[in-house]
């Protein structure tokens, strides 16, 4: 049987790695946004701002998942934090895929 501690350690490491992955996509969006000159109409750059905000939110979910996992380890394994770690990680997986797909679409098909 897999120990809860092993699961939380795996979630902690995976969440930190996925957070770094999200920062790569955020960097691509920021670089694309900055490639436009200053006088570009707002409707042209608005999708980049929205994408950047969504990616920043996804990064925040990553950091929250890392923090909850770390709290679980520090506090000796309370059951509530274990369940939150798993739920947040599942949310993070969905958010990272959505953010990566959206950022790729923005850069390659716009």
N, C-alpha and C. Protein backbone atom coordinates (compact mmCIF):
# COMPACT_ATOMS: atom_id res chain seq x y z
N UNK A 1 0.84 -1.19 0.00
CA UNK A 1 0.00 0.00 0.00
C UNK A 1 0.89 1.25 0.00
N UNK A 2 0.45 2.24 -0.71
CA UNK A 2 1.20 3.50 -0.79
C UNK A 2 0.89 4.34 0.44
N UNK A 3 1.94 4.81 1.06
CA UNK A 3 1.79 5.64 2.26
C UNK A 3 1.37 7.06 1.88
N UNK A 4 0.51 7.69 2.69
CA UNK A 4 0.10 9.06 2.42
C UNK A 4 1.28 10.03 2.31
N UNK A 5 2.32 9.80 3.11
CA UNK A 5 3.49 10.68 3.06
C UNK A 5 4.14 10.65 1.67
N UNK A 6 4.21 9.46 1.09
CA UNK A 6 4.79 9.34 -0.26
C UNK A 6 3.95 10.08 -1.30
N UNK A 7 2.63 10.00 -1.13
CA UNK A 7 1.73 10.69 -2.06
C UNK A 7 1.92 12.21 -1.95
N UNK A 8 1.98 12.72 -0.73
CA UNK A 8 2.12 14.16 -0.52
C UNK A 8 3.48 14.65 -1.01
N UNK A 9 4.52 13.89 -0.80
CA UNK A 9 5.84 14.29 -1.30
C UNK A 9 5.83 14.32 -2.83
N UNK A 10 5.18 13.34 -3.44
CA UNK A 10 5.08 13.33 -4.91
C UNK A 10 4.27 14.52 -5.41
N UNK A 11 3.17 14.84 -4.73
CA UNK A 11 2.35 15.99 -5.10
C UNK A 11 3.15 17.27 -4.96
N UNK A 12 3.89 17.39 -3.88
CA UNK A 12 4.70 18.60 -3.65
C UNK A 12 5.71 18.80 -4.79
N UNK A 13 6.44 17.77 -5.12
CA UNK A 13 7.44 17.88 -6.19
C UNK A 13 6.81 18.11 -7.56
N UNK A 14 5.73 17.40 -7.83
CA UNK A 14 5.05 17.55 -9.12
C UNK A 14 4.43 18.93 -9.27
N UNK A 15 3.86 19.44 -8.21
CA UNK A 15 3.25 20.78 -8.26
C UNK A 15 4.29 21.85 -8.51
N UNK A 16 5.43 21.71 -7.86
CA UNK A 16 6.51 22.69 -8.08
C UNK A 16 7.00 22.62 -9.53
N UNK A 17 7.14 21.41 -10.06
CA UNK A 17 7.59 21.26 -11.45
C UNK A 17 6.56 21.81 -12.43
N UNK A 18 5.29 21.53 -12.20
CA UNK A 18 4.24 22.06 -13.07
C UNK A 18 4.15 23.58 -12.99
N UNK A 19 4.42 24.11 -11.80
CA UNK A 19 4.47 25.57 -11.67
C UNK A 19 5.55 26.17 -12.55
N UNK A 20 6.70 25.53 -12.61
CA UNK A 20 7.77 26.00 -13.50
C UNK A 20 7.38 25.89 -14.96
N UNK A 21 6.67 24.84 -15.30
CA UNK A 21 6.18 24.64 -16.66
C UNK A 21 5.23 25.77 -17.06
N UNK A 22 4.35 26.16 -16.13
CA UNK A 22 3.41 27.25 -16.39
C UNK A 22 4.16 28.56 -16.60
N UNK A 23 5.23 28.77 -15.86
CA UNK A 23 6.01 30.00 -16.02
C UNK A 23 6.62 30.09 -17.42
N UNK A 24 6.94 28.96 -18.03
CA UNK A 24 7.46 28.97 -19.40
C UNK A 24 6.39 29.51 -20.35
N UNK A 25 5.16 29.01 -20.21
CA UNK A 25 4.08 29.51 -21.06
C UNK A 25 3.78 30.98 -20.78
N UNK A 26 3.86 31.38 -19.52
CA UNK A 26 3.67 32.79 -19.19
C UNK A 26 4.73 33.65 -19.86
N UNK A 27 5.95 33.17 -19.88
CA UNK A 27 7.03 33.89 -20.56
C UNK A 27 6.79 34.03 -22.05
N UNK A 28 6.25 32.99 -22.67
CA UNK A 28 5.95 33.04 -24.10
C UNK A 28 4.86 34.08 -24.36
N UNK A 29 3.84 34.09 -23.53
CA UNK A 29 2.75 35.06 -23.70
C UNK A 29 3.25 36.48 -23.47
N UNK A 30 4.07 36.69 -22.46
CA UNK A 30 4.60 38.02 -22.19
C UNK A 30 5.49 38.48 -23.34
N UNK A 31 6.32 37.59 -23.86
CA UNK A 31 7.18 37.95 -24.99
C UNK A 31 6.35 38.30 -26.22
N UNK A 32 5.29 37.53 -26.46
CA UNK A 32 4.40 37.83 -27.60
C UNK A 32 3.71 39.17 -27.40
N UNK A 33 3.26 39.44 -26.21
CA UNK A 33 2.60 40.71 -25.88
C UNK A 33 3.55 41.88 -26.10
N UNK A 34 4.78 41.71 -25.66
CA UNK A 34 5.75 42.79 -25.78
C UNK A 34 6.25 42.99 -27.21
N UNK A 35 5.97 42.07 -28.09
CA UNK A 35 6.41 42.22 -29.47
C UNK A 35 5.58 43.25 -30.24
N UNK A 36 4.43 43.61 -29.69
CA UNK A 36 3.60 44.63 -30.34
C UNK A 36 4.10 46.02 -29.97
N UNK A 37 4.01 46.97 -30.90
CA UNK A 37 4.41 48.34 -30.57
C UNK A 37 3.38 48.98 -29.63
N UNK A 38 3.77 50.11 -29.05
CA UNK A 38 2.94 50.76 -28.04
C UNK A 38 1.59 51.25 -28.51
N UNK A 39 1.41 51.56 -29.77
CA UNK A 39 0.16 52.13 -30.25
C UNK A 39 -0.86 51.13 -30.75
N UNK A 40 -0.69 49.86 -30.43
CA UNK A 40 -1.61 48.83 -30.90
C UNK A 40 -2.95 48.97 -30.18
N UNK A 41 -4.06 48.81 -30.90
CA UNK A 41 -5.37 48.89 -30.24
C UNK A 41 -5.53 47.86 -29.12
N UNK A 42 -6.34 48.22 -28.15
CA UNK A 42 -6.55 47.36 -26.98
C UNK A 42 -7.09 45.99 -27.35
N UNK A 43 -7.97 45.91 -28.34
CA UNK A 43 -8.56 44.62 -28.70
C UNK A 43 -7.53 43.64 -29.26
N UNK A 44 -6.39 44.14 -29.72
CA UNK A 44 -5.33 43.26 -30.23
C UNK A 44 -4.58 42.61 -29.07
N UNK A 45 -4.28 43.37 -28.04
CA UNK A 45 -3.47 42.85 -26.92
C UNK A 45 -4.31 42.29 -25.78
N UNK A 46 -5.61 42.53 -25.78
CA UNK A 46 -6.47 42.03 -24.69
C UNK A 46 -6.37 40.52 -24.52
N UNK A 47 -6.39 39.70 -25.59
CA UNK A 47 -6.27 38.25 -25.38
C UNK A 47 -4.97 37.85 -24.68
N UNK A 48 -3.90 38.59 -24.93
CA UNK A 48 -2.63 38.28 -24.26
C UNK A 48 -2.71 38.62 -22.78
N UNK A 49 -3.38 39.69 -22.46
CA UNK A 49 -3.55 40.05 -21.04
C UNK A 49 -4.41 39.03 -20.32
N UNK A 50 -5.47 38.59 -20.97
CA UNK A 50 -6.34 37.59 -20.37
C UNK A 50 -5.58 36.27 -20.17
N UNK A 51 -4.84 35.87 -21.20
CA UNK A 51 -4.05 34.63 -21.09
C UNK A 51 -3.00 34.74 -20.00
N UNK A 52 -2.33 35.89 -19.94
CA UNK A 52 -1.33 36.09 -18.90
C UNK A 52 -1.94 36.01 -17.51
N UNK A 53 -3.12 36.58 -17.34
CA UNK A 53 -3.80 36.52 -16.05
C UNK A 53 -4.19 35.08 -15.70
N UNK A 54 -4.69 34.35 -16.69
CA UNK A 54 -5.07 32.95 -16.45
C UNK A 54 -3.84 32.11 -16.09
N UNK A 55 -2.74 32.35 -16.78
CA UNK A 55 -1.51 31.61 -16.47
C UNK A 55 -0.99 31.97 -15.09
N UNK A 56 -1.10 33.23 -14.72
CA UNK A 56 -0.68 33.63 -13.37
C UNK A 56 -1.57 32.96 -12.32
N UNK A 57 -2.87 32.85 -12.60
CA UNK A 57 -3.77 32.14 -11.69
C UNK A 57 -3.41 30.67 -11.58
N UNK A 58 -3.05 30.05 -12.69
CA UNK A 58 -2.63 28.65 -12.69
C UNK A 58 -1.35 28.47 -11.88
N UNK A 59 -0.44 29.43 -12.02
CA UNK A 59 0.79 29.39 -11.22
C UNK A 59 0.46 29.52 -9.74
N UNK A 60 -0.52 30.36 -9.41
CA UNK A 60 -0.94 30.51 -8.01
C UNK A 60 -1.49 29.20 -7.45
N UNK A 61 -2.27 28.48 -8.26
CA UNK A 61 -2.78 27.17 -7.82
C UNK A 61 -1.62 26.23 -7.54
N UNK A 62 -0.57 26.30 -8.36
CA UNK A 62 0.61 25.47 -8.13
C UNK A 62 1.25 25.79 -6.79
N UNK A 63 1.42 27.07 -6.52
CA UNK A 63 2.05 27.46 -5.26
C UNK A 63 1.18 27.10 -4.05
N UNK A 64 -0.12 27.24 -4.19
CA UNK A 64 -1.02 26.87 -3.09
C UNK A 64 -0.95 25.37 -2.84
N UNK A 65 -0.88 24.58 -3.90
CA UNK A 65 -0.76 23.13 -3.75
C UNK A 65 0.55 22.76 -3.05
N UNK A 66 1.62 23.42 -3.42
CA UNK A 66 2.90 23.19 -2.76
C UNK A 66 2.80 23.57 -1.28
N UNK A 67 2.18 24.71 -0.99
CA UNK A 67 2.06 25.17 0.40
C UNK A 67 1.22 24.21 1.24
N UNK A 68 0.09 23.75 0.69
CA UNK A 68 -0.76 22.81 1.44
C UNK A 68 -0.03 21.49 1.68
N UNK A 69 0.69 21.01 0.68
CA UNK A 69 1.46 19.78 0.85
C UNK A 69 2.55 19.94 1.90
N UNK A 70 3.22 21.08 1.86
CA UNK A 70 4.25 21.35 2.86
C UNK A 70 3.65 21.45 4.26
N UNK A 71 2.50 22.11 4.37
CA UNK A 71 1.82 22.18 5.68
C UNK A 71 1.45 20.79 6.18
N UNK A 72 1.00 19.92 5.28
CA UNK A 72 0.68 18.56 5.68
C UNK A 72 1.91 17.87 6.26
N UNK A 73 3.05 18.03 5.60
CA UNK A 73 4.28 17.40 6.08
C UNK A 73 4.73 17.99 7.41
N UNK A 74 4.63 19.31 7.53
CA UNK A 74 5.08 19.98 8.76
C UNK A 74 4.20 19.61 9.96
N UNK A 75 2.89 19.52 9.73
CA UNK A 75 1.95 19.28 10.83
C UNK A 75 1.71 17.81 11.13
N UNK A 76 2.46 16.93 10.52
CA UNK A 76 2.36 15.51 10.87
C UNK A 76 1.21 14.77 10.21
N UNK A 77 0.66 15.29 9.16
CA UNK A 77 -0.30 14.55 8.36
C UNK A 77 -1.75 14.62 8.74
N UNK A 78 -2.31 15.82 8.99
CA UNK A 78 -3.75 15.88 9.24
C UNK A 78 -4.55 15.47 8.00
N UNK A 79 -5.66 14.75 8.22
CA UNK A 79 -6.44 14.18 7.12
C UNK A 79 -7.00 15.25 6.19
N UNK A 80 -7.46 16.35 6.72
CA UNK A 80 -8.05 17.40 5.89
C UNK A 80 -7.08 17.96 4.88
N UNK A 81 -5.85 18.18 5.29
CA UNK A 81 -4.85 18.72 4.37
C UNK A 81 -4.44 17.70 3.31
N UNK A 82 -4.49 16.44 3.66
CA UNK A 82 -4.19 15.39 2.69
C UNK A 82 -5.20 15.42 1.54
N UNK A 83 -6.46 15.50 1.91
CA UNK A 83 -7.51 15.56 0.89
C UNK A 83 -7.42 16.83 0.06
N UNK A 84 -7.11 17.95 0.71
CA UNK A 84 -6.93 19.22 -0.02
C UNK A 84 -5.76 19.13 -0.99
N UNK A 85 -4.68 18.48 -0.57
CA UNK A 85 -3.52 18.33 -1.45
C UNK A 85 -3.90 17.58 -2.72
N UNK A 86 -4.62 16.50 -2.55
CA UNK A 86 -5.02 15.70 -3.71
C UNK A 86 -5.99 16.48 -4.59
N UNK A 87 -6.96 17.14 -4.00
CA UNK A 87 -7.95 17.90 -4.78
C UNK A 87 -7.29 19.06 -5.52
N UNK A 88 -6.41 19.77 -4.85
CA UNK A 88 -5.72 20.89 -5.50
C UNK A 88 -4.82 20.41 -6.63
N UNK A 89 -4.18 19.27 -6.42
CA UNK A 89 -3.33 18.74 -7.49
C UNK A 89 -4.15 18.35 -8.71
N UNK A 90 -5.31 17.74 -8.48
CA UNK A 90 -6.19 17.40 -9.60
C UNK A 90 -6.63 18.66 -10.34
N UNK A 91 -7.00 19.70 -9.59
CA UNK A 91 -7.35 20.98 -10.20
C UNK A 91 -6.17 21.56 -10.96
N UNK A 92 -5.00 21.44 -10.40
CA UNK A 92 -3.80 21.96 -11.05
C UNK A 92 -3.54 21.25 -12.37
N UNK A 93 -3.71 19.95 -12.42
CA UNK A 93 -3.50 19.21 -13.67
C UNK A 93 -4.43 19.72 -14.78
N UNK A 94 -5.68 19.93 -14.43
CA UNK A 94 -6.64 20.44 -15.41
C UNK A 94 -6.27 21.86 -15.83
N UNK A 95 -5.92 22.70 -14.85
CA UNK A 95 -5.59 24.09 -15.14
C UNK A 95 -4.32 24.20 -15.99
N UNK A 96 -3.32 23.39 -15.71
CA UNK A 96 -2.07 23.43 -16.48
C UNK A 96 -2.33 23.00 -17.92
N UNK A 97 -3.12 21.95 -18.11
CA UNK A 97 -3.42 21.54 -19.48
C UNK A 97 -4.19 22.63 -20.22
N UNK A 98 -5.19 23.20 -19.57
CA UNK A 98 -5.98 24.26 -20.21
C UNK A 98 -5.11 25.47 -20.53
N UNK A 99 -4.26 25.86 -19.61
CA UNK A 99 -3.39 27.02 -19.83
C UNK A 99 -2.39 26.76 -20.94
N UNK A 100 -1.82 25.58 -20.96
CA UNK A 100 -0.85 25.24 -22.02
C UNK A 100 -1.52 25.19 -23.38
N UNK A 101 -2.71 24.60 -23.45
CA UNK A 101 -3.43 24.54 -24.71
C UNK A 101 -3.82 25.94 -25.19
N UNK A 102 -4.30 26.77 -24.28
CA UNK A 102 -4.70 28.12 -24.65
C UNK A 102 -3.50 28.95 -25.10
N UNK A 103 -2.40 28.88 -24.36
CA UNK A 103 -1.20 29.65 -24.72
C UNK A 103 -0.65 29.20 -26.06
N UNK A 104 -0.65 27.90 -26.30
CA UNK A 104 -0.17 27.38 -27.59
C UNK A 104 -1.06 27.87 -28.72
N UNK A 105 -2.36 27.83 -28.51
CA UNK A 105 -3.30 28.33 -29.52
C UNK A 105 -3.08 29.81 -29.79
N UNK A 106 -2.85 30.58 -28.75
CA UNK A 106 -2.67 32.02 -28.90
C UNK A 106 -1.42 32.33 -29.73
N UNK A 107 -0.36 31.61 -29.48
CA UNK A 107 0.91 31.93 -30.14
C UNK A 107 0.98 31.33 -31.54
N UNK A 108 0.47 30.13 -31.74
CA UNK A 108 0.62 29.46 -33.03
C UNK A 108 -0.50 29.71 -34.02
N UNK A 109 -1.72 29.97 -33.55
CA UNK A 109 -2.84 30.10 -34.46
C UNK A 109 -3.49 31.47 -34.45
N UNK A 110 -2.80 32.49 -34.07
CA UNK A 110 -3.32 33.86 -34.11
C UNK A 110 -2.64 34.62 -35.17
